[in-house]
Amino acid sequence: MSQHASKRAQQRGVPPLIIDLLIQFGTREYDGRGAEICFFDHRAKKRLQSYAGGLISNLSEQLDAYAVISGEEVITVGTRLKRVNRV
C-alpha cells in the first residue's frame, strides 16, 4: 500500500480490514488509465456474505469503499458516491 493510499484511508475513514476484504473479494474493473478499480458489487457482497456470515451486517456501512490498484500496489482508497462507470 502506497503512502498516499495510507493517508487517504485515514482521511476518508476506510479501515484496513475493508481494504483487505476489497482486495480479496471485490470486483475489479479496468479504469482506462492503466489501473484497476476494486469495489463491492452485488456478487462481491454475496461472496463476502458466504465467507464472513453475520459479520457483513456490521460492516454494511463500510462496503461503499473502493480501491485503485496498479500492479500489486494500492494507489488510493475512498468511498463511492456514484456508480462505477464500466469501460
Protein backbone atom coordinates (compact mmCIF):
# COMPACT_ATOMS: atom_id res chain seq x y z
CA MET A 1 0.00 0.00 0.00
CA SER A 2 1.43 3.35 -1.01
CA GLN A 3 1.90 6.23 1.42
CA HIS A 4 -0.77 8.14 -0.49
CA ALA A 5 -3.25 5.27 0.00
CA SER A 6 -2.46 5.05 3.71
CA LYS A 7 -3.02 8.76 4.15
CA ARG A 8 -6.26 8.74 2.13
CA ALA A 9 -7.59 5.71 4.02
CA GLN A 10 -7.06 7.54 7.29
CA GLN A 11 -8.59 10.79 6.00
CA ARG A 12 -11.60 9.05 4.44
CA GLY A 13 -12.24 6.63 7.30
CA VAL A 14 -11.63 3.40 5.39
CA PRO A 15 -10.29 0.79 7.84
CA PRO A 16 -7.52 -1.64 6.83
CA LEU A 17 -9.93 -4.59 7.22
CA ILE A 18 -12.15 -3.19 4.46
CA ILE A 19 -9.15 -2.69 2.18
CA ASP A 20 -8.09 -6.31 2.74
CA LEU A 21 -11.63 -7.53 2.04
CA LEU A 22 -11.76 -5.39 -1.12
CA ILE A 23 -8.58 -6.94 -2.43
CA GLN A 24 -9.71 -10.46 -1.58
CA PHE A 25 -13.42 -10.36 -2.53
CA GLY A 26 -14.00 -7.17 -4.52
CA THR A 27 -14.86 -6.91 -8.20
CA ARG A 28 -12.11 -5.43 -10.36
CA GLU A 29 -12.74 -3.23 -13.36
CA TYR A 30 -10.13 -1.65 -15.62
CA ASP A 31 -10.25 2.14 -15.23
CA GLY A 32 -8.93 3.06 -18.69
CA ARG A 33 -5.76 4.61 -17.28
CA GLY A 34 -3.67 1.54 -16.57
CA ALA A 35 -5.05 0.62 -13.15
CA GLU A 36 -8.00 -1.32 -11.74
CA ILE A 37 -10.84 -0.13 -9.52
CA CYS A 38 -11.75 -2.67 -6.88
CA PHE A 39 -15.22 -2.32 -5.31
CA PHE A 40 -18.08 -4.33 -3.84
CA ASP A 41 -20.92 -5.06 -6.24
CA HIS A 42 -23.79 -7.47 -5.57
CA ARG A 43 -21.77 -10.57 -6.47
CA ALA A 44 -18.81 -9.47 -4.35
CA LYS A 45 -21.12 -8.82 -1.40
CA LYS A 46 -22.56 -12.33 -1.79
CA ARG A 47 -19.04 -13.83 -1.82
CA LEU A 48 -18.24 -11.82 1.29
CA GLN A 49 -21.51 -12.91 2.93
CA SER A 50 -20.69 -16.57 2.38
CA TYR A 51 -17.20 -16.03 3.84
CA ALA A 52 -18.00 -13.72 6.77
CA GLY A 53 -21.58 -14.69 7.62
CA GLY A 54 -23.14 -12.33 10.17
CA LEU A 55 -20.14 -10.02 10.21
CA ILE A 56 -21.30 -8.47 6.95
CA SER A 57 -24.25 -6.75 8.66
CA ASN A 58 -21.84 -4.94 10.99
CA LEU A 59 -19.75 -3.74 8.05
CA SER A 60 -22.58 -2.75 5.71
CA GLU A 61 -21.87 0.98 6.10
CA GLN A 62 -18.25 0.46 5.04
CA LEU A 63 -18.98 -1.55 1.88
CA ASP A 64 -19.24 1.54 -0.36
CA ALA A 65 -15.44 1.75 -0.35
CA TYR A 66 -13.22 1.38 -3.39
CA ALA A 67 -9.52 0.94 -4.00
CA VAL A 68 -7.46 1.81 -7.06
CA ILE A 69 -4.82 -0.85 -7.66
CA SER A 70 -1.92 -0.78 -10.08
CA GLY A 71 0.07 -4.00 -10.28
CA GLU A 72 0.36 -5.19 -6.70
CA GLU A 73 0.15 -1.76 -5.06
CA VAL A 74 -2.92 0.03 -3.72
CA ILE A 75 -2.67 3.58 -5.06
CA THR A 76 -5.64 5.21 -3.32
CA VAL A 77 -8.85 4.37 -1.48
CA GLY A 78 -12.10 6.17 -0.94
CA THR A 79 -15.87 5.92 -0.64
CA ARG A 80 -18.03 5.60 -3.75
CA LEU A 81 -20.53 8.41 -4.11
CA LYS A 82 -21.74 7.33 -7.56
CA ARG A 83 -21.77 4.23 -9.74
CA VAL A 84 -18.59 2.82 -11.23
CA ASN A 85 -18.54 3.51 -14.97
CA ARG A 86 -17.75 0.29 -16.78
CA VAL A 87 -15.46 0.73 -19.78
